[in-house]
């Protein structure tokens, strides 16, 4: 969760909304921001101070994605057991 919030604060620079939608198998975590710039996976080298957030999300989340909104986007991931 902190990786997505940090990305939104650093890269979007807009107000953000954090939503957690629990269910019996886990939870969907969403961060909404006002930037239309879509994130992507980057391969950071050992000297980089950033660029690992979505790689961590990719590794630990069951699934993740990005949805466009009229004035921004939702970056989300799902954690928990396979349903």
PDB file of N, CA and C in Angstrom:
ATOM      1  N   UNK A   1       0.821  -1.177   0.000  1.00  0.00           N
ATOM      2  CA  UNK A   1       0.000   0.000   0.000  1.00  0.00           C
ATOM      3  C   UNK A   1       0.874   1.253   0.000  1.00  0.00           C
ATOM      4  N   UNK A   2       1.919   1.236   0.814  1.00  0.00           N
ATOM      5  CA  UNK A   2       2.771   2.425   0.900  1.00  0.00           C
ATOM      6  C   UNK A   2       3.476   2.720  -0.421  1.00  0.00           C
ATOM      7  N   UNK A   3       3.780   1.690  -1.195  1.00  0.00           N
ATOM      8  CA  UNK A   3       4.432   1.923  -2.492  1.00  0.00           C
ATOM      9  C   UNK A   3       3.515   2.712  -3.419  1.00  0.00           C
ATOM     10  N   UNK A   4       2.238   2.346  -3.486  1.00  0.00           N
ATOM     11  CA  UNK A   4       1.312   3.057  -4.366  1.00  0.00           C
ATOM     12  C   UNK A   4       1.053   4.477  -3.880  1.00  0.00           C
ATOM     13  N   UNK A   5       0.918   4.653  -2.578  1.00  0.00           N
ATOM     14  CA  UNK A   5       0.707   5.989  -2.031  1.00  0.00           C
ATOM     15  C   UNK A   5       1.929   6.864  -2.299  1.00  0.00           C
ATOM     16  N   UNK A   6       3.121   6.330  -2.062  1.00  0.00           N
ATOM     17  CA  UNK A   6       4.346   7.085  -2.323  1.00  0.00           C
ATOM     18  C   UNK A   6       4.450   7.476  -3.790  1.00  0.00           C
ATOM     19  N   UNK A   7       4.165   6.531  -4.683  1.00  0.00           N
ATOM     20  CA  UNK A   7       4.193   6.844  -6.122  1.00  0.00           C
ATOM     21  C   UNK A   7       3.232   7.980  -6.456  1.00  0.00           C
ATOM     22  N   UNK A   8       2.026   7.937  -5.908  1.00  0.00           N
ATOM     23  CA  UNK A   8       1.048   8.982  -6.191  1.00  0.00           C
ATOM     24  C   UNK A   8       1.511  10.338  -5.660  1.00  0.00           C
ATOM     25  N   UNK A   9       2.057  10.361  -4.455  1.00  0.00           N
ATOM     26  CA  UNK A   9       2.522  11.619  -3.869  1.00  0.00           C
ATOM     27  C   UNK A   9       3.693  12.187  -4.672  1.00  0.00           C
ATOM     28  N   UNK A  10       4.655  11.344  -4.995  1.00  0.00           N
ATOM     29  CA  UNK A  10       5.871  11.798  -5.686  1.00  0.00           C
ATOM     30  C   UNK A  10       5.607  12.132  -7.152  1.00  0.00           C
ATOM     31  N   UNK A  11       4.878  11.281  -7.858  1.00  0.00           N
ATOM     32  CA  UNK A  11       4.750  11.434  -9.308  1.00  0.00           C
ATOM     33  C   UNK A  11       3.502  12.192  -9.744  1.00  0.00           C
ATOM     34  N   UNK A  12       2.383  12.027  -9.046  1.00  0.00           N
ATOM     35  CA  UNK A  12       1.154  12.718  -9.456  1.00  0.00           C
ATOM     36  C   UNK A  12       1.115  14.132  -8.895  1.00  0.00           C
ATOM     37  N   UNK A  13       1.502  14.287  -7.636  1.00  0.00           N
ATOM     38  CA  UNK A  13       1.485  15.607  -7.021  1.00  0.00           C
ATOM     39  C   UNK A  13       0.083  16.180  -6.872  1.00  0.00           C
ATOM     40  N   UNK A  14      -0.926  15.321  -6.755  1.00  0.00           N
ATOM     41  CA  UNK A  14      -2.317  15.751  -6.613  1.00  0.00           C
ATOM     42  C   UNK A  14      -2.873  15.176  -5.319  1.00  0.00           C
ATOM     43  N   UNK A  15      -4.095  15.551  -5.003  1.00  0.00           N
ATOM     44  CA  UNK A  15      -4.790  14.875  -3.909  1.00  0.00           C
ATOM     45  C   UNK A  15      -4.912  13.405  -4.272  1.00  0.00           C
ATOM     46  N   UNK A  16      -4.921  12.560  -3.257  1.00  0.00           N
ATOM     47  CA  UNK A  16      -5.091  11.129  -3.499  1.00  0.00           C
ATOM     48  C   UNK A  16      -6.200  10.597  -2.592  1.00  0.00           C
ATOM     49  N   UNK A  17      -6.751   9.483  -3.019  1.00  0.00           N
ATOM     50  CA  UNK A  17      -7.731   8.756  -2.213  1.00  0.00           C
ATOM     51  C   UNK A  17      -7.250   7.324  -2.103  1.00  0.00           C
ATOM     52  N   UNK A  18      -7.252   6.795  -0.898  1.00  0.00           N
ATOM     53  CA  UNK A  18      -6.870   5.411  -0.649  1.00  0.00           C
ATOM     54  C   UNK A  18      -8.126   4.646  -0.267  1.00  0.00           C
ATOM     55  N   UNK A  19      -8.372   3.520  -0.960  1.00  0.00           N
ATOM     56  CA  UNK A  19      -9.524   2.676  -0.640  1.00  0.00           C
ATOM     57  C   UNK A  19      -9.041   1.247  -0.450  1.00  0.00           C
ATOM     58  N   UNK A  20      -9.581   0.591   0.555  1.00  0.00           N
ATOM     59  CA  UNK A  20      -9.316  -0.825   0.773  1.00  0.00           C
ATOM     60  C   UNK A  20     -10.668  -1.516   0.765  1.00  0.00           C
ATOM     61  N   UNK A  21     -10.826  -2.474  -0.138  1.00  0.00           N
ATOM     62  CA  UNK A  21     -12.094  -3.186  -0.282  1.00  0.00           C
ATOM     63  C   UNK A  21     -11.880  -4.647   0.121  1.00  0.00           C
ATOM     64  N   UNK A  22     -12.138  -4.955   1.391  1.00  0.00           N
ATOM     65  CA  UNK A  22     -11.915  -6.328   1.852  1.00  0.00           C
ATOM     66  C   UNK A  22     -13.018  -7.275   1.375  1.00  0.00           C
ATOM     67  N   UNK A  23     -12.663  -8.534   1.240  1.00  0.00           N
ATOM     68  CA  UNK A  23     -13.634  -9.595   1.014  1.00  0.00           C
ATOM     69  C   UNK A  23     -13.142 -10.845   1.721  1.00  0.00           C
ATOM     70  N   UNK A  24     -13.846 -11.933   1.599  1.00  0.00           N
ATOM     71  CA  UNK A  24     -13.486 -13.131   2.349  1.00  0.00           C
ATOM     72  C   UNK A  24     -12.149 -13.728   1.932  1.00  0.00           C
ATOM     73  N   UNK A  25     -11.663 -13.416   0.744  1.00  0.00           N
ATOM     74  CA  UNK A  25     -10.413 -13.997   0.254  1.00  0.00           C
ATOM     75  C   UNK A  25      -9.211 -13.069   0.403  1.00  0.00           C
ATOM     76  N   UNK A  26      -9.416 -11.812   0.780  1.00  0.00           N
ATOM     77  CA  UNK A  26      -8.297 -10.875   0.860  1.00  0.00           C
ATOM     78  C   UNK A  26      -8.797  -9.453   0.762  1.00  0.00           C
ATOM     79  N   UNK A  27      -8.145  -8.647  -0.084  1.00  0.00           N
ATOM     80  CA  UNK A  27      -8.542  -7.253  -0.230  1.00  0.00           C
ATOM     81  C   UNK A  27      -8.019  -6.688  -1.547  1.00  0.00           C
ATOM     82  N   UNK A  28      -8.774  -5.734  -2.065  1.00  0.00           N
ATOM     83  CA  UNK A  28      -8.333  -4.928  -3.201  1.00  0.00           C
ATOM     84  C   UNK A  28      -7.976  -3.558  -2.633  1.00  0.00           C
ATOM     85  N   UNK A  29      -6.756  -3.111  -2.902  1.00  0.00           N
ATOM     86  CA  UNK A  29      -6.270  -1.818  -2.436  1.00  0.00           C
ATOM     87  C   UNK A  29      -6.173  -0.906  -3.651  1.00  0.00           C
ATOM     88  N   UNK A  30      -6.758   0.299  -3.540  1.00  0.00           N
ATOM     89  CA  UNK A  30      -6.778   1.238  -4.654  1.00  0.00           C
ATOM     90  C   UNK A  30      -6.241   2.591  -4.209  1.00  0.00           C
ATOM     91  N   UNK A  31      -5.439   3.203  -5.072  1.00  0.00           N
ATOM     92  CA  UNK A  31      -4.996   4.575  -4.865  1.00  0.00           C
ATOM     93  C   UNK A  31      -5.431   5.373  -6.088  1.00  0.00           C
ATOM     94  N   UNK A  32      -6.233   6.379  -5.846  1.00  0.00           N
ATOM     95  CA  UNK A  32      -6.748   7.249  -6.908  1.00  0.00           C
ATOM     96  C   UNK A  32      -5.976   8.558  -6.854  1.00  0.00           C
ATOM     97  N   UNK A  33      -5.505   9.018  -8.022  1.00  0.00           N
ATOM     98  CA  UNK A  33      -4.848  10.325  -8.072  1.00  0.00           C
ATOM     99  C   UNK A  33      -5.335  11.100  -9.284  1.00  0.00           C
ATOM    100  N   UNK A  34      -4.947  12.357  -9.368  1.00  0.00           N
ATOM    101  CA  UNK A  34      -5.420  13.241 -10.419  1.00  0.00           C
ATOM    102  C   UNK A  34      -4.509  13.365 -11.617  1.00  0.00           C
ATOM    103  N   UNK A  35      -3.528  12.496 -11.750  1.00  0.00           N
ATOM    104  CA  UNK A  35      -2.615  12.540 -12.893  1.00  0.00           C
ATOM    105  C   UNK A  35      -3.073  11.545 -13.956  1.00  0.00           C
ATOM    106  N   UNK A  36      -2.993  11.959 -15.209  1.00  0.00           N
ATOM    107  CA  UNK A  36      -3.339  11.062 -16.310  1.00  0.00           C
ATOM    108  C   UNK A  36      -2.131  10.273 -16.823  1.00  0.00           C
ATOM    109  N   UNK A  37      -0.952  10.517 -16.255  1.00  0.00           N
ATOM    110  CA  UNK A  37       0.253   9.778 -16.643  1.00  0.00           C
ATOM    111  C   UNK A  37       0.158   8.367 -16.074  1.00  0.00           C
ATOM    112  N   UNK A  38       0.250   7.382 -16.970  1.00  0.00           N
ATOM    113  CA  UNK A  38       0.111   5.995 -16.549  1.00  0.00           C
ATOM    114  C   UNK A  38       1.453   5.437 -16.080  1.00  0.00           C
ATOM    115  N   UNK A  39       1.454   4.707 -14.962  1.00  0.00           N
ATOM    116  CA  UNK A  39       2.701   4.138 -14.454  1.00  0.00           C
ATOM    117  C   UNK A  39       3.082   2.881 -15.217  1.00  0.00           C
ATOM    118  N   UNK A  40       4.321   2.486 -15.073  1.00  0.00           N
ATOM    119  CA  UNK A  40       4.784   1.249 -15.687  1.00  0.00           C
ATOM    120  C   UNK A  40       5.934   0.667 -14.892  1.00  0.00           C
ATOM    121  N   UNK A  41       6.176  -0.597 -15.123  1.00  0.00           N
ATOM    122  CA  UNK A  41       7.300  -1.260 -14.456  1.00  0.00           C
ATOM    123  C   UNK A  41       8.602  -0.727 -15.019  1.00  0.00           C
ATOM    124  N   UNK A  42       9.542  -0.429 -14.123  1.00  0.00           N
ATOM    125  CA  UNK A  42      10.884  -0.006 -14.516  1.00  0.00           C
ATOM    126  C   UNK A  42      11.878  -0.953 -13.879  1.00  0.00           C
ATOM    127  N   UNK A  43      12.977  -1.131 -14.547  1.00  0.00           N
ATOM    128  CA  UNK A  43      14.066  -1.896 -13.963  1.00  0.00           C
ATOM    129  C   UNK A  43      15.089  -0.883 -13.451  1.00  0.00           C
ATOM    130  N   UNK A  44      15.165  -0.777 -12.130  1.00  0.00           N
ATOM    131  CA  UNK A  44      16.095   0.171 -11.514  1.00  0.00           C
ATOM    132  C   UNK A  44      17.452  -0.489 -11.351  1.00  0.00           C
ATOM    133  N   UNK A  45      18.504   0.281 -11.603  1.00  0.00           N
ATOM    134  CA  UNK A  45      19.830  -0.279 -11.354  1.00  0.00           C
ATOM    135  C   UNK A  45      20.198  -0.089  -9.883  1.00  0.00           C
ATOM    136  N   UNK A  46      21.302  -0.638  -9.480  1.00  0.00           N
ATOM    137  CA  UNK A  46      21.686  -0.642  -8.064  1.00  0.00           C
ATOM    138  C   UNK A  46      21.947   0.753  -7.510  1.00  0.00           C
ATOM    139  N   UNK A  47      22.192   1.728  -8.381  1.00  0.00           N
ATOM    140  CA  UNK A  47      22.454   3.100  -7.923  1.00  0.00           C
ATOM    141  C   UNK A  47      21.183   3.941  -7.831  1.00  0.00           C
ATOM    142  N   UNK A  48      20.076   3.449  -8.344  1.00  0.00           N
ATOM    143  CA  UNK A  48      18.828   4.210  -8.354  1.00  0.00           C
ATOM    144  C   UNK A  48      18.239   4.320  -6.951  1.00  0.00           C
ATOM    145  N   UNK A  49      17.692   5.488  -6.671  1.00  0.00           N
ATOM    146  CA  UNK A  49      17.040   5.713  -5.382  1.00  0.00           C
ATOM    147  C   UNK A  49      15.542   5.440  -5.465  1.00  0.00           C
ATOM    148  N   UNK A  50      15.035   5.196  -6.665  1.00  0.00           N
ATOM    149  CA  UNK A  50      13.613   4.914  -6.843  1.00  0.00           C
ATOM    150  C   UNK A  50      13.449   3.964  -8.030  1.00  0.00           C
ATOM    151  N   UNK A  51      12.202   3.618  -8.313  1.00  0.00           N
ATOM    152  CA  UNK A  51      11.941   2.770  -9.470  1.00  0.00           C
ATOM    153  C   UNK A  51      11.656   1.319  -9.143  1.00  0.00           C
ATOM    154  N   UNK A  52      11.501   1.012  -7.861  1.00  0.00           N
ATOM    155  CA  UNK A  52      11.262  -0.387  -7.470  1.00  0.00           C
ATOM    156  C   UNK A  52       9.841  -0.650  -6.985  1.00  0.00           C
ATOM    157  N   UNK A  53       9.036   0.385  -6.821  1.00  0.00           N
ATOM    158  CA  UNK A  53       7.716   0.257  -6.217  1.00  0.00           C
ATOM    159  C   UNK A  53       6.800  -0.725  -6.919  1.00  0.00           C
ATOM    160  N   UNK A  54       6.594  -0.542  -8.205  1.00  0.00           N
ATOM    161  CA  UNK A  54       5.689  -1.443  -8.915  1.00  0.00           C
ATOM    162  C   UNK A  54       6.277  -2.833  -9.101  1.00  0.00           C
ATOM    163  N   UNK A  55       7.585  -2.946  -9.113  1.00  0.00           N
ATOM    164  CA  UNK A  55       8.207  -4.276  -9.163  1.00  0.00           C
ATOM    165  C   UNK A  55       7.863  -5.041  -7.879  1.00  0.00           C
ATOM    166  N   UNK A  56       7.886  -4.346  -6.746  1.00  0.00           N
ATOM    167  CA  UNK A  56       7.493  -4.978  -5.485  1.00  0.00           C
ATOM    168  C   UNK A  56       6.015  -5.360  -5.504  1.00  0.00           C
ATOM    169  N   UNK A  57       5.181  -4.462  -5.988  1.00  0.00           N
ATOM    170  CA  UNK A  57       3.750  -4.764  -6.088  1.00  0.00           C
ATOM    171  C   UNK A  57       3.539  -5.980  -6.982  1.00  0.00           C
ATOM    172  N   UNK A  58       4.199  -6.016  -8.115  1.00  0.00           N
ATOM    173  CA  UNK A  58       4.104  -7.150  -9.049  1.00  0.00           C
ATOM    174  C   UNK A  58       4.485  -8.464  -8.359  1.00  0.00           C
ATOM    175  N   UNK A  59       5.509  -8.401  -7.537  1.00  0.00           N
ATOM    176  CA  UNK A  59       6.009  -9.608  -6.875  1.00  0.00           C
ATOM    177  C   UNK A  59       5.065 -10.123  -5.783  1.00  0.00           C
ATOM    178  N   UNK A  60       4.536  -9.211  -4.969  1.00  0.00           N
ATOM    179  CA  UNK A  60       3.778  -9.625  -3.792  1.00  0.00           C
ATOM    180  C   UNK A  60       2.267  -9.694  -3.994  1.00  0.00           C
ATOM    181  N   UNK A  61       1.733  -8.970  -4.944  1.00  0.00           N
ATOM    182  CA  UNK A  61       0.282  -8.960  -5.153  1.00  0.00           C
ATOM    183  C   UNK A  61      -0.160 -10.136  -6.027  1.00  0.00           C
ATOM    184  N   UNK A  62      -1.390 -10.565  -5.807  1.00  0.00           N
ATOM    185  CA  UNK A  62      -1.957 -11.613  -6.652  1.00  0.00           C
ATOM    186  C   UNK A  62      -2.171 -11.082  -8.067  1.00  0.00           C
ATOM    187  N   UNK A  63      -2.615  -9.849  -8.166  1.00  0.00           N
ATOM    188  CA  UNK A  63      -2.754  -9.154  -9.443  1.00  0.00           C
ATOM    189  C   UNK A  63      -2.748  -7.660  -9.173  1.00  0.00           C
ATOM    190  N   UNK A  64      -2.492  -6.885 -10.225  1.00  0.00           N
ATOM    191  CA  UNK A  64      -2.512  -5.432 -10.083  1.00  0.00           C
ATOM    192  C   UNK A  64      -2.821  -4.821 -11.432  1.00  0.00           C
ATOM    193  N   UNK A  65      -3.173  -3.543 -11.436  1.00  0.00           N
ATOM    194  CA  UNK A  65      -3.467  -2.882 -12.698  1.00  0.00           C
ATOM    195  C   UNK A  65      -3.695  -1.399 -12.504  1.00  0.00           C
ATOM    196  N   UNK A  66      -4.036  -0.770 -13.630  1.00  0.00           N
ATOM    197  CA  UNK A  66      -4.291   0.668 -13.663  1.00  0.00           C
ATOM    198  C   UNK A  66      -5.557   0.889 -14.474  1.00  0.00           C
ATOM    199  N   UNK A  67      -6.426   1.770 -13.993  1.00  0.00           N
ATOM    200  CA  UNK A  67      -7.642   2.133 -14.713  1.00  0.00           C
ATOM    201  C   UNK A  67      -7.642   3.639 -14.924  1.00  0.00           C
ATOM    202  N   UNK A  68      -7.895   4.053 -16.163  1.00  0.00           N
ATOM    203  CA  UNK A  68      -7.983   5.477 -16.473  1.00  0.00           C
ATOM    204  C   UNK A  68      -9.297   6.046 -15.955  1.00  0.00           C
ATOM    205  N   UNK A  69      -9.231   7.266 -15.481  1.00  0.00           N
ATOM    206  CA  UNK A  69     -10.409   8.036 -15.113  1.00  0.00           C
ATOM    207  C   UNK A  69     -10.411   9.311 -15.936  1.00  0.00           C
ATOM    208  N   UNK A  70     -11.522  10.005 -15.992  1.00  0.00           N
ATOM    209  CA  UNK A  70     -11.601  11.253 -16.758  1.00  0.00           C
ATOM    210  C   UNK A  70     -10.542  12.254 -16.298  1.00  0.00           C
ATOM    211  N   UNK A  71     -10.300  12.326 -14.991  1.00  0.00           N
ATOM    212  CA  UNK A  71      -9.321  13.283 -14.484  1.00  0.00           C
ATOM    213  C   UNK A  71      -8.227  12.637 -13.681  1.00  0.00           C
ATOM    214  N   UNK A  72      -7.777  11.451 -14.077  1.00  0.00           N
ATOM    215  CA  UNK A  72      -6.714  10.788 -13.334  1.00  0.00           C
ATOM    216  C   UNK A  72      -6.704   9.297 -13.558  1.00  0.00           C
ATOM    217  N   UNK A  73      -6.433   8.552 -12.488  1.00  0.00           N
ATOM    218  CA  UNK A  73      -6.341   7.098 -12.619  1.00  0.00           C
ATOM    219  C   UNK A  73      -6.491   6.427 -11.259  1.00  0.00           C
ATOM    220  N   UNK A  74      -6.734   5.125 -11.320  1.00  0.00           N
ATOM    221  CA  UNK A  74      -6.718   4.258 -10.144  1.00  0.00           C
ATOM    222  C   UNK A  74      -5.618   3.232 -10.358  1.00  0.00           C
ATOM    223  N   UNK A  75      -4.693   3.140  -9.433  1.00  0.00           N
ATOM    224  CA  UNK A  75      -3.704   2.059  -9.439  1.00  0.00           C
ATOM    225  C   UNK A  75      -4.119   1.132  -8.306  1.00  0.00           C
ATOM    226  N   UNK A  76      -4.240  -0.158  -8.594  1.00  0.00           N
ATOM    227  CA  UNK A  76      -4.782  -1.094  -7.620  1.00  0.00           C
ATOM    228  C   UNK A  76      -3.998  -2.399  -7.593  1.00  0.00           C
ATOM    229  N   UNK A  77      -4.163  -3.112  -6.491  1.00  0.00           N
ATOM    230  CA  UNK A  77      -3.647  -4.480  -6.410  1.00  0.00           C
ATOM    231  C   UNK A  77      -4.547  -5.312  -5.511  1.00  0.00           C
ATOM    232  N   UNK A  78      -4.471  -6.622  -5.690  1.00  0.00           N
ATOM    233  CA  UNK A  78      -5.256  -7.554  -4.894  1.00  0.00           C
ATOM    234  C   UNK A  78      -4.294  -8.428  -4.110  1.00  0.00           C
ATOM    235  N   UNK A  79      -4.554  -8.568  -2.817  1.00  0.00           N
ATOM    236  CA  UNK A  79      -3.769  -9.471  -1.976  1.00  0.00           C
ATOM    237  C   UNK A  79      -4.704 -10.491  -1.353  1.00  0.00           C
ATOM    238  N   UNK A  80      -4.165 -11.613  -0.996  1.00  0.00           N
ATOM    239  CA  UNK A  80      -4.942 -12.659  -0.362  1.00  0.00           C
ATOM    240  C   UNK A  80      -4.886 -13.942  -1.154  1.00  0.00           C
ATOM    241  N   UNK A  81      -5.623 -14.919  -0.700  1.00  0.00           N
ATOM    242  CA  UNK A  81      -5.628 -16.234  -1.344  1.00  0.00           C
ATOM    243  C   UNK A  81      -6.274 -16.172  -2.717  1.00  0.00           C
ATOM    244  N   UNK A  82      -5.853 -17.066  -3.579  1.00  0.00           N
ATOM    245  CA  UNK A  82      -6.482 -17.193  -4.897  1.00  0.00           C
ATOM    246  C   UNK A  82      -7.940 -17.531  -4.702  1.00  0.00           C
ATOM    247  N   UNK A  83      -8.810 -16.872  -5.467  1.00  0.00           N
ATOM    248  CA  UNK A  83     -10.242 -17.109  -5.299  1.00  0.00           C
ATOM    249  C   UNK A  83     -10.845 -17.968  -6.330  1.00  0.00           C
TER     250      UNK A  83
END
